[in-house]
Amino acid sequence: MEPGADSMDQPWARTLPARVAREAIICGVFGPLMDVYTRRDVIGHEHLETLDQPVFERFTTAAERSSDDPRKQLEQLFAELVVAVSSKEFRGCPFMNGVAEIADQRHPALEVVRRHKERVRRWMRDRARAAGATNPDQLSRQLMVVFEGGQAQSLVEHSPKPARDARGIAKLLIDAASPG
């Protein structure tokens, strides 16, 4: 064999016993790693379940306590976003982080994330409706995009500036969608 030549390019390596041995080595080494990764997915799914209520309340409870006015509650939600992303511990949305690498659209973690995001959107929609928004469903979808974008870009820039921008955009959207 020439120095530097790949041993799998040799004629003996193409025989059935050599291929079986190679496959056994690969499965023996990578199989357990895949088992750990799979278990980590399951743990991640369970972990996301435990985060649902506290993360939801982290933003909505503070917004609800700030005012009885649903319009001000929506605006306060974005003020809470600025506070959250300003924390040294901020690492992005745990729900988006949890599913970023999952390709299987049937993975249980995706359902947890969808349920959480829909819950936040409904909270926004209910306040938008109470504030007199002409189209509360549309406003809540727009606010979700702005909220998520503010989180993501704040993480990328490692700065609260995008969340502050999101707060300003949210106020413009709320003002445009709500009379008076």
N, C-alpha and C. Protein backbone atom coordinates (compact mmCIF):
# COMPACT_ATOMS: atom_id res chain seq x y z
N MET A 1 0.84 -1.17 0.00
CA MET A 1 0.00 0.00 0.00
C MET A 1 0.88 1.24 0.00
N GLU A 2 0.52 2.20 -0.83
CA GLU A 2 1.28 3.43 -0.90
C GLU A 2 1.06 4.25 0.36
N PRO A 3 2.10 4.97 0.79
CA PRO A 3 1.90 5.83 1.95
C PRO A 3 0.80 6.86 1.64
N GLY A 4 -0.08 7.07 2.59
CA GLY A 4 -1.15 8.05 2.43
C GLY A 4 -2.37 7.52 1.69
N ALA A 5 -2.31 6.33 1.11
CA ALA A 5 -3.47 5.79 0.38
C ALA A 5 -4.52 5.34 1.40
N ASP A 6 -5.76 5.57 1.06
CA ASP A 6 -6.86 5.16 1.93
C ASP A 6 -6.97 3.63 1.90
N SER A 7 -6.99 3.02 3.07
CA SER A 7 -7.03 1.56 3.14
C SER A 7 -8.33 1.01 2.56
N MET A 8 -9.40 1.81 2.50
CA MET A 8 -10.66 1.34 1.93
C MET A 8 -10.62 1.30 0.41
N ASP A 9 -9.59 1.86 -0.20
CA ASP A 9 -9.44 1.80 -1.65
C ASP A 9 -8.73 0.53 -2.11
N GLN A 10 -8.28 -0.27 -1.16
CA GLN A 10 -7.57 -1.49 -1.49
C GLN A 10 -8.57 -2.58 -1.88
N PRO A 11 -8.20 -3.48 -2.80
CA PRO A 11 -9.13 -4.52 -3.24
C PRO A 11 -9.71 -5.35 -2.09
N TRP A 12 -8.88 -5.69 -1.10
CA TRP A 12 -9.40 -6.50 0.00
C TRP A 12 -10.52 -5.79 0.76
N ALA A 13 -10.49 -4.45 0.77
CA ALA A 13 -11.47 -3.69 1.54
C ALA A 13 -12.85 -3.70 0.89
N ARG A 14 -12.91 -4.12 -0.37
CA ARG A 14 -14.18 -4.15 -1.07
C ARG A 14 -14.90 -5.49 -0.93
N THR A 15 -14.29 -6.42 -0.27
CA THR A 15 -14.91 -7.73 -0.09
C THR A 15 -16.01 -7.65 0.96
N LEU A 16 -16.93 -8.59 0.91
CA LEU A 16 -18.06 -8.60 1.84
C LEU A 16 -17.60 -8.62 3.30
N PRO A 17 -16.67 -9.50 3.70
CA PRO A 17 -16.27 -9.50 5.12
C PRO A 17 -15.68 -8.16 5.56
N ALA A 18 -14.93 -7.52 4.70
CA ALA A 18 -14.34 -6.23 5.07
C ALA A 18 -15.43 -5.16 5.22
N ARG A 19 -16.42 -5.19 4.32
CA ARG A 19 -17.50 -4.21 4.41
C ARG A 19 -18.33 -4.44 5.67
N VAL A 20 -18.57 -5.71 6.00
CA VAL A 20 -19.33 -6.04 7.22
C VAL A 20 -18.56 -5.57 8.45
N ALA A 21 -17.25 -5.82 8.48
CA ALA A 21 -16.42 -5.40 9.61
C ALA A 21 -16.44 -3.87 9.74
N ARG A 22 -16.31 -3.20 8.62
CA ARG A 22 -16.33 -1.73 8.63
C ARG A 22 -17.67 -1.22 9.16
N GLU A 23 -18.76 -1.81 8.70
CA GLU A 23 -20.09 -1.40 9.15
C GLU A 23 -20.26 -1.66 10.64
N ALA A 24 -19.75 -2.77 11.12
CA ALA A 24 -19.84 -3.09 12.55
C ALA A 24 -19.09 -2.07 13.39
N ILE A 25 -17.93 -1.65 12.90
CA ILE A 25 -17.15 -0.64 13.62
C ILE A 25 -17.91 0.68 13.64
N ILE A 26 -18.43 1.07 12.49
CA ILE A 26 -19.17 2.34 12.42
C ILE A 26 -20.39 2.29 13.33
N CYS A 27 -21.16 1.20 13.27
CA CYS A 27 -22.35 1.10 14.11
C CYS A 27 -21.97 1.01 15.58
N GLY A 28 -20.88 0.32 15.86
CA GLY A 28 -20.43 0.18 17.24
C GLY A 28 -20.00 1.51 17.85
N VAL A 29 -19.42 2.37 17.05
CA VAL A 29 -18.96 3.66 17.55
C VAL A 29 -20.08 4.70 17.50
N PHE A 30 -20.74 4.79 16.36
CA PHE A 30 -21.72 5.85 16.18
C PHE A 30 -23.11 5.49 16.70
N GLY A 31 -23.41 4.21 16.79
CA GLY A 31 -24.71 3.80 17.30
C GLY A 31 -24.99 4.34 18.70
N PRO A 32 -24.07 4.13 19.65
CA PRO A 32 -24.29 4.67 20.99
C PRO A 32 -24.40 6.20 21.01
N LEU A 33 -23.64 6.86 20.15
CA LEU A 33 -23.73 8.32 20.08
C LEU A 33 -25.12 8.75 19.62
N MET A 34 -25.65 8.01 18.65
CA MET A 34 -26.99 8.34 18.17
C MET A 34 -28.04 8.08 19.26
N ASP A 35 -27.83 7.03 20.06
CA ASP A 35 -28.74 6.77 21.17
C ASP A 35 -28.74 7.93 22.16
N VAL A 36 -27.56 8.45 22.47
CA VAL A 36 -27.45 9.58 23.38
C VAL A 36 -28.15 10.79 22.78
N TYR A 37 -27.93 11.03 21.49
CA TYR A 37 -28.56 12.17 20.82
C TYR A 37 -30.08 12.04 20.87
N THR A 38 -30.58 10.86 20.62
CA THR A 38 -32.02 10.63 20.65
C THR A 38 -32.57 10.87 22.04
N ARG A 39 -31.88 10.37 23.05
CA ARG A 39 -32.34 10.60 24.41
C ARG A 39 -32.31 12.09 24.73
N ARG A 40 -31.31 12.80 24.23
CA ARG A 40 -31.22 14.24 24.46
C ARG A 40 -32.42 14.94 23.84
N ASP A 41 -32.87 14.47 22.68
CA ASP A 41 -34.07 15.04 22.07
C ASP A 41 -35.26 14.87 22.99
N VAL A 42 -35.38 13.67 23.57
CA VAL A 42 -36.52 13.40 24.45
C VAL A 42 -36.43 14.29 25.68
N ILE A 43 -35.23 14.38 26.27
CA ILE A 43 -35.05 15.25 27.42
C ILE A 43 -35.37 16.69 27.02
N GLY A 44 -34.93 17.11 25.82
CA GLY A 44 -35.22 18.46 25.35
C GLY A 44 -36.71 18.70 25.25
N HIS A 45 -37.44 17.72 24.75
CA HIS A 45 -38.90 17.83 24.63
C HIS A 45 -39.52 18.00 26.01
N GLU A 46 -39.09 17.19 26.95
CA GLU A 46 -39.61 17.28 28.32
C GLU A 46 -39.22 18.61 28.96
N HIS A 47 -38.01 19.05 28.69
CA HIS A 47 -37.54 20.32 29.23
C HIS A 47 -38.38 21.48 28.68
N LEU A 48 -38.67 21.44 27.40
CA LEU A 48 -39.50 22.50 26.81
C LEU A 48 -40.89 22.53 27.46
N GLU A 49 -41.43 21.36 27.75
CA GLU A 49 -42.73 21.29 28.43
C GLU A 49 -42.68 22.03 29.77
N THR A 50 -41.58 21.84 30.51
CA THR A 50 -41.48 22.48 31.83
C THR A 50 -41.25 23.99 31.71
N LEU A 51 -40.73 24.45 30.59
CA LEU A 51 -40.49 25.88 30.40
C LEU A 51 -41.72 26.65 29.93
N ASP A 52 -42.69 25.96 29.39
CA ASP A 52 -43.84 26.63 28.77
C ASP A 52 -44.47 27.67 29.70
N GLN A 53 -44.96 27.26 30.83
CA GLN A 53 -45.66 28.17 31.73
C GLN A 53 -44.75 29.28 32.26
N PRO A 54 -43.56 28.97 32.78
CA PRO A 54 -42.71 30.05 33.31
C PRO A 54 -42.30 31.08 32.25
N VAL A 55 -42.00 30.65 31.05
CA VAL A 55 -41.60 31.60 30.01
C VAL A 55 -42.80 32.45 29.61
N PHE A 56 -43.94 31.83 29.44
CA PHE A 56 -45.16 32.56 29.11
C PHE A 56 -45.44 33.62 30.17
N GLU A 57 -45.40 33.21 31.42
CA GLU A 57 -45.70 34.13 32.51
C GLU A 57 -44.62 35.18 32.70
N ARG A 58 -43.39 34.87 32.34
CA ARG A 58 -42.29 35.83 32.46
C ARG A 58 -42.64 37.12 31.71
N PHE A 59 -43.27 36.99 30.58
CA PHE A 59 -43.62 38.16 29.78
C PHE A 59 -45.05 38.65 30.07
N THR A 60 -46.00 37.75 30.10
CA THR A 60 -47.40 38.18 30.17
C THR A 60 -47.80 38.69 31.55
N THR A 61 -47.30 38.07 32.61
CA THR A 61 -47.69 38.51 33.96
C THR A 61 -47.21 39.93 34.22
N ALA A 62 -45.98 40.21 33.85
CA ALA A 62 -45.45 41.58 34.03
C ALA A 62 -46.26 42.57 33.21
N ALA A 63 -46.63 42.18 32.00
CA ALA A 63 -47.43 43.07 31.15
C ALA A 63 -48.80 43.31 31.74
N GLU A 64 -49.42 42.27 32.27
CA GLU A 64 -50.75 42.40 32.86
C GLU A 64 -50.72 43.23 34.14
N ARG A 65 -49.65 43.10 34.91
CA ARG A 65 -49.54 43.87 36.16
C ARG A 65 -49.25 45.34 35.89
N SER A 66 -48.72 45.65 34.73
CA SER A 66 -48.33 47.03 34.44
C SER A 66 -49.53 47.95 34.23
N SER A 67 -50.65 47.40 33.79
CA SER A 67 -51.81 48.23 33.46
C SER A 67 -53.04 47.36 33.24
N ASP A 68 -54.19 47.98 33.41
CA ASP A 68 -55.44 47.30 33.06
C ASP A 68 -55.80 47.54 31.60
N ASP A 69 -55.12 48.46 30.96
CA ASP A 69 -55.36 48.82 29.56
C ASP A 69 -54.71 47.78 28.65
N PRO A 70 -55.50 47.06 27.84
CA PRO A 70 -54.94 46.01 26.99
C PRO A 70 -53.91 46.53 25.99
N ARG A 71 -54.08 47.73 25.53
CA ARG A 71 -53.12 48.33 24.60
C ARG A 71 -51.76 48.53 25.29
N LYS A 72 -51.81 49.03 26.51
CA LYS A 72 -50.57 49.23 27.28
C LYS A 72 -49.93 47.88 27.64
N GLN A 73 -50.77 46.85 27.86
CA GLN A 73 -50.23 45.52 28.14
C GLN A 73 -49.45 44.99 26.95
N LEU A 74 -49.98 45.20 25.74
CA LEU A 74 -49.24 44.78 24.53
C LEU A 74 -47.91 45.51 24.44
N GLU A 75 -47.94 46.82 24.69
CA GLU A 75 -46.70 47.60 24.64
C GLU A 75 -45.73 47.14 25.72
N GLN A 76 -46.25 46.81 26.90
CA GLN A 76 -45.38 46.37 28.00
C GLN A 76 -44.75 45.01 27.70
N LEU A 77 -45.44 44.17 26.96
CA LEU A 77 -44.85 42.89 26.57
C LEU A 77 -43.52 43.11 25.86
N PHE A 78 -43.48 44.12 25.01
CA PHE A 78 -42.24 44.43 24.28
C PHE A 78 -41.22 45.11 25.17
N ALA A 79 -41.67 45.84 26.18
CA ALA A 79 -40.74 46.40 27.17
C ALA A 79 -40.08 45.25 27.95
N GLU A 80 -40.86 44.23 28.24
CA GLU A 80 -40.32 43.05 28.94
C GLU A 80 -39.31 42.31 28.06
N LEU A 81 -39.54 42.33 26.76
CA LEU A 81 -38.58 41.72 25.84
C LEU A 81 -37.23 42.43 25.94
N VAL A 82 -37.26 43.76 26.00
CA VAL A 82 -36.01 44.53 26.12
C VAL A 82 -35.29 44.14 27.41
N VAL A 83 -36.03 44.01 28.50
CA VAL A 83 -35.43 43.61 29.77
C VAL A 83 -34.81 42.21 29.65
N ALA A 84 -35.55 41.29 29.05
CA ALA A 84 -35.07 39.89 28.94
C ALA A 84 -33.78 39.80 28.11
N VAL A 85 -33.75 40.47 26.97
CA VAL A 85 -32.57 40.35 26.11
C VAL A 85 -31.38 41.13 26.66
N SER A 86 -31.62 42.02 27.62
CA SER A 86 -30.53 42.78 28.23
C SER A 86 -29.80 41.98 29.29
N SER A 87 -30.38 40.87 29.70
CA SER A 87 -29.76 40.02 30.71
C SER A 87 -28.50 39.36 30.17
N LYS A 88 -27.48 39.25 31.01
CA LYS A 88 -26.24 38.56 30.61
C LYS A 88 -26.49 37.09 30.31
N GLU A 89 -27.55 36.54 30.90
CA GLU A 89 -27.88 35.13 30.70
C GLU A 89 -28.69 34.86 29.44
N PHE A 90 -29.11 35.91 28.74
CA PHE A 90 -29.97 35.72 27.57
C PHE A 90 -29.24 34.94 26.48
N ARG A 91 -29.87 33.85 26.04
CA ARG A 91 -29.31 33.00 24.98
C ARG A 91 -30.32 32.75 23.87
N GLY A 92 -31.30 33.62 23.76
CA GLY A 92 -32.33 33.44 22.74
C GLY A 92 -33.54 32.73 23.31
N CYS A 93 -34.51 32.56 22.48
CA CYS A 93 -35.74 31.88 22.88
C CYS A 93 -35.46 30.39 23.05
N PRO A 94 -35.71 29.84 24.24
CA PRO A 94 -35.43 28.43 24.44
C PRO A 94 -36.25 27.51 23.54
N PHE A 95 -37.41 27.97 23.13
CA PHE A 95 -38.25 27.15 22.26
C PHE A 95 -37.69 27.09 20.85
N MET A 96 -37.26 28.22 20.34
CA MET A 96 -36.65 28.22 19.01
C MET A 96 -35.30 27.51 19.03
N ASN A 97 -34.54 27.71 20.10
CA ASN A 97 -33.26 27.02 20.22
C ASN A 97 -33.47 25.51 20.29
N GLY A 98 -34.54 25.10 20.96
CA GLY A 98 -34.80 23.68 21.14
C GLY A 98 -35.15 22.94 19.87
N VAL A 99 -35.70 23.63 18.89
CA VAL A 99 -36.13 22.94 17.68
C VAL A 99 -35.30 23.30 16.45
N ALA A 100 -34.30 24.13 16.63
CA ALA A 100 -33.53 24.61 15.48
C ALA A 100 -32.89 23.48 14.67
N GLU A 101 -32.52 22.40 15.31
CA GLU A 101 -31.82 21.32 14.62
C GLU A 101 -32.71 20.12 14.33
N ILE A 102 -33.98 20.20 14.64
CA ILE A 102 -34.86 19.05 14.45
C ILE A 102 -35.48 19.09 13.06
N ALA A 103 -35.16 18.10 12.27
CA ALA A 103 -35.67 18.04 10.89
C ALA A 103 -37.03 17.34 10.80
N ASP A 104 -37.29 16.43 11.72
CA ASP A 104 -38.52 15.65 11.68
C ASP A 104 -39.70 16.52 12.13
N GLN A 105 -40.59 16.83 11.20
CA GLN A 105 -41.73 17.69 11.49
C GLN A 105 -42.75 17.04 12.43
N ARG A 106 -42.56 15.75 12.72
CA ARG A 106 -43.46 15.07 13.66
C ARG A 106 -42.85 14.96 15.05
N HIS A 107 -41.67 15.52 15.23
CA HIS A 107 -40.99 15.43 16.53
C HIS A 107 -41.85 16.11 17.60
N PRO A 108 -41.99 15.49 18.77
CA PRO A 108 -42.86 16.05 19.82
C PRO A 108 -42.43 17.44 20.30
N ALA A 109 -41.17 17.76 20.20
CA ALA A 109 -40.72 19.09 20.63
C ALA A 109 -41.34 20.18 19.76
N LEU A 110 -41.54 19.90 18.49
CA LEU A 110 -42.15 20.89 17.61
C LEU A 110 -43.57 21.23 18.04
N GLU A 111 -44.29 20.25 18.49
CA GLU A 111 -45.65 20.49 18.97
C GLU A 111 -45.64 21.36 20.22
N VAL A 112 -44.68 21.13 21.11
CA VAL A 112 -44.57 21.96 22.31
C VAL A 112 -44.30 23.41 21.92
N VAL A 113 -43.40 23.60 20.96
CA VAL A 113 -43.07 24.95 20.51
C VAL A 113 -44.28 25.61 19.84
N ARG A 114 -44.92 24.89 18.97
CA ARG A 114 -46.10 25.44 18.28
C ARG A 114 -47.18 25.85 19.29
N ARG A 115 -47.40 24.99 20.26
CA ARG A 115 -48.42 25.25 21.28
C ARG A 115 -48.04 26.50 22.10
N HIS A 116 -46.77 26.60 22.47
CA HIS A 116 -46.31 27.76 23.24
C HIS A 116 -46.46 29.05 22.43
N LYS A 117 -45.99 29.03 21.19
CA LYS A 117 -46.05 30.23 20.34
C LYS A 117 -47.50 30.62 20.06
N GLU A 118 -48.35 29.66 19.87
CA GLU A 118 -49.76 29.95 19.63
C GLU A 118 -50.40 30.55 20.88
N ARG A 119 -49.99 30.07 22.02
CA ARG A 119 -50.50 30.61 23.29
C ARG A 119 -50.13 32.09 23.44
N VAL A 120 -48.90 32.42 23.13
CA VAL A 120 -48.46 33.82 23.19
C VAL A 120 -49.23 34.65 22.17
N ARG A 121 -49.38 34.11 20.96
CA ARG A 121 -50.11 34.84 19.92
C ARG A 121 -51.55 35.09 20.34
N ARG A 122 -52.20 34.08 20.94
CA ARG A 122 -53.59 34.26 21.40
C ARG A 122 -53.67 35.33 22.49
N TRP A 123 -52.66 35.34 23.37
CA TRP A 123 -52.62 36.38 24.41
C TRP A 123 -52.58 37.76 23.74
N MET A 124 -51.74 37.90 22.74
CA MET A 124 -51.67 39.16 21.99
C MET A 124 -52.99 39.47 21.30
N ARG A 125 -53.57 38.47 20.66
CA ARG A 125 -54.84 38.67 19.95
C ARG A 125 -55.95 39.12 20.90
N ASP A 126 -56.02 38.50 22.07
CA ASP A 126 -57.06 38.87 23.03
C ASP A 126 -56.91 40.32 23.47
N ARG A 127 -55.69 40.76 23.69
CA ARG A 127 -55.47 42.16 24.07
C ARG A 127 -55.73 43.10 22.90
N ALA A 128 -55.35 42.68 21.72
CA ALA A 128 -55.60 43.49 20.52
C ALA A 128 -57.11 43.66 20.33
N ARG A 129 -57.86 42.60 20.52
CA ARG A 129 -59.32 42.67 20.39
C ARG A 129 -59.90 43.61 21.45
N ALA A 130 -59.44 43.45 22.69
CA ALA A 130 -59.94 44.29 23.78
C ALA A 130 -59.55 45.76 23.59
N ALA A 131 -58.44 45.99 22.89
CA ALA A 131 -58.00 47.36 22.62
C ALA A 131 -58.73 47.96 21.43
N GLY A 132 -59.55 47.17 20.75
CA GLY A 132 -60.34 47.68 19.63
C GLY A 132 -59.65 47.59 18.29
N ALA A 133 -58.66 46.72 18.17
CA ALA A 133 -57.97 46.56 16.87
C ALA A 133 -58.99 46.13 15.82
N THR A 134 -58.84 46.69 14.63
CA THR A 134 -59.79 46.36 13.55
C THR A 134 -59.63 44.92 13.08
N ASN A 135 -58.42 44.38 13.15
CA ASN A 135 -58.18 42.99 12.77
C ASN A 135 -57.21 42.38 13.78
N PRO A 136 -57.72 41.92 14.93
CA PRO A 136 -56.85 41.43 16.01
C PRO A 136 -56.02 40.20 15.63
N ASP A 137 -56.56 39.35 14.77
CA ASP A 137 -55.78 38.17 14.34
C ASP A 137 -54.54 38.61 13.55
N GLN A 138 -54.75 39.51 12.62
CA GLN A 138 -53.63 39.99 11.82
C GLN A 138 -52.61 40.73 12.68
N LEU A 139 -53.08 41.58 13.57
CA LEU A 139 -52.17 42.31 14.44
C LEU A 139 -51.36 41.35 15.31
N SER A 140 -52.01 40.34 15.85
CA SER A 140 -51.27 39.39 16.70
C SER A 140 -50.22 38.62 15.92
N ARG A 141 -50.52 38.28 14.68
CA ARG A 141 -49.51 37.61 13.84
C ARG A 141 -48.33 38.54 13.56
N GLN A 142 -48.64 39.79 13.25
CA GLN A 142 -47.58 40.77 13.00
C GLN A 142 -46.73 40.99 14.24
N LEU A 143 -47.39 41.12 15.38
CA LEU A 143 -46.64 41.32 16.62
C LEU A 143 -45.77 40.12 16.97
N MET A 144 -46.24 38.92 16.66
CA MET A 144 -45.41 37.73 16.89
C MET A 144 -44.15 37.77 16.06
N VAL A 145 -44.28 38.16 14.80
CA VAL A 145 -43.11 38.26 13.93
C VAL A 145 -42.12 39.27 14.49
N VAL A 146 -42.62 40.40 14.93
CA VAL A 146 -41.76 41.44 15.48
C VAL A 146 -41.11 40.97 16.78
N PHE A 147 -41.89 40.32 17.64
CA PHE A 147 -41.37 39.82 18.92
C PHE A 147 -40.26 38.79 18.68
N GLU A 148 -40.55 37.81 17.83
CA GLU A 148 -39.56 36.76 17.54
C GLU A 148 -38.31 37.35 16.88
N GLY A 149 -38.52 38.27 15.95
CA GLY A 149 -37.39 38.90 15.28
C GLY A 149 -36.54 39.71 16.24
N GLY A 150 -37.19 40.39 17.18
CA GLY A 150 -36.44 41.14 18.19
C GLY A 150 -35.58 40.25 19.05
N GLN A 151 -36.12 39.10 19.43
CA GLN A 151 -35.34 38.14 20.22
C GLN A 151 -34.15 37.62 19.42
N ALA A 152 -34.44 37.16 18.22
CA ALA A 152 -33.40 36.53 17.39
C ALA A 152 -32.28 37.52 17.06
N GLN A 153 -32.64 38.71 16.63
CA GLN A 153 -31.61 39.67 16.24
C GLN A 153 -30.84 40.18 17.44
N SER A 154 -31.49 40.29 18.59
CA SER A 154 -30.77 40.68 19.82
C SER A 154 -29.73 39.63 20.18
N LEU A 155 -30.06 38.37 19.96
CA LEU A 155 -29.11 37.30 20.22
C LEU A 155 -27.93 37.40 19.25
N VAL A 156 -28.21 37.59 17.99
CA VAL A 156 -27.16 37.68 16.97
C VAL A 156 -26.23 38.85 17.25
N GLU A 157 -26.81 39.99 17.57
CA GLU A 157 -26.02 41.20 17.80
C GLU A 157 -25.49 41.30 19.22
N HIS A 158 -25.96 40.42 20.09
CA HIS A 158 -25.61 40.46 21.51
C HIS A 158 -25.85 41.87 22.04
N SER A 159 -27.07 42.37 21.76
CA SER A 159 -27.42 43.74 22.08
C SER A 159 -28.93 43.85 22.25
N PRO A 160 -29.38 44.73 23.15
CA PRO A 160 -30.82 44.95 23.28
C PRO A 160 -31.39 45.90 22.22
N LYS A 161 -30.54 46.46 21.38
CA LYS A 161 -31.02 47.42 20.37
C LYS A 161 -32.11 46.84 19.47
N PRO A 162 -31.96 45.63 18.93
CA PRO A 162 -33.05 45.09 18.10
C PRO A 162 -34.36 44.93 18.87
N ALA A 163 -34.29 44.58 20.15
CA ALA A 163 -35.52 44.46 20.94
C ALA A 163 -36.14 45.84 21.14
N ARG A 164 -35.30 46.86 21.31
CA ARG A 164 -35.83 48.23 21.41
C ARG A 164 -36.50 48.63 20.09
N ASP A 165 -35.86 48.27 18.98
CA ASP A 165 -36.47 48.53 17.67
C ASP A 165 -37.81 47.80 17.54
N ALA A 166 -37.84 46.54 18.01
CA ALA A 166 -39.08 45.75 17.96
C ALA A 166 -40.17 46.43 18.79
N ARG A 167 -39.78 47.00 19.92
CA ARG A 167 -40.74 47.71 20.78
C ARG A 167 -41.34 48.90 20.02
N GLY A 168 -40.50 49.65 19.32
CA GLY A 168 -40.99 50.78 18.55
C GLY A 168 -41.88 50.36 17.40
N ILE A 169 -41.50 49.29 16.72
CA ILE A 169 -42.32 48.78 15.61
C ILE A 169 -43.67 48.28 16.13
N ALA A 170 -43.64 47.60 17.28
CA ALA A 170 -44.89 47.10 17.86
C ALA A 170 -45.83 48.25 18.17
N LYS A 171 -45.31 49.32 18.74
CA LYS A 171 -46.15 50.49 19.05
C LYS A 171 -46.76 51.06 17.77
N LEU A 172 -45.99 51.15 16.71
CA LEU A 172 -46.51 51.64 15.43
C LEU A 172 -47.64 50.74 14.91
N LEU A 173 -47.42 49.42 14.99
CA LEU A 173 -48.44 48.47 14.54
C LEU A 173 -49.71 48.58 15.37
N ILE A 174 -49.54 48.66 16.69
CA ILE A 174 -50.70 48.76 17.58
C ILE A 174 -51.46 50.05 17.30
N ASP A 175 -50.73 51.16 17.16
CA ASP A 175 -51.38 52.45 16.87
C ASP A 175 -52.13 52.41 15.54
N ALA A 176 -51.51 51.79 14.54
CA ALA A 176 -52.14 51.73 13.21
C ALA A 176 -53.37 50.82 13.20
N ALA A 177 -53.36 49.80 14.05
CA ALA A 177 -54.46 48.81 14.02
C ALA A 177 -55.61 49.17 14.97
N SER A 178 -55.35 50.10 15.88
CA SER A 178 -56.36 50.42 16.89
C SER A 178 -56.78 51.87 16.78
N PRO A 179 -58.07 52.10 16.66
CA PRO A 179 -58.54 53.49 16.61
C PRO A 179 -58.34 54.20 17.95
N GLY A 180 -58.01 55.47 17.86
CA GLY A 180 -57.88 56.32 19.05
C GLY A 180 -56.81 55.90 19.93
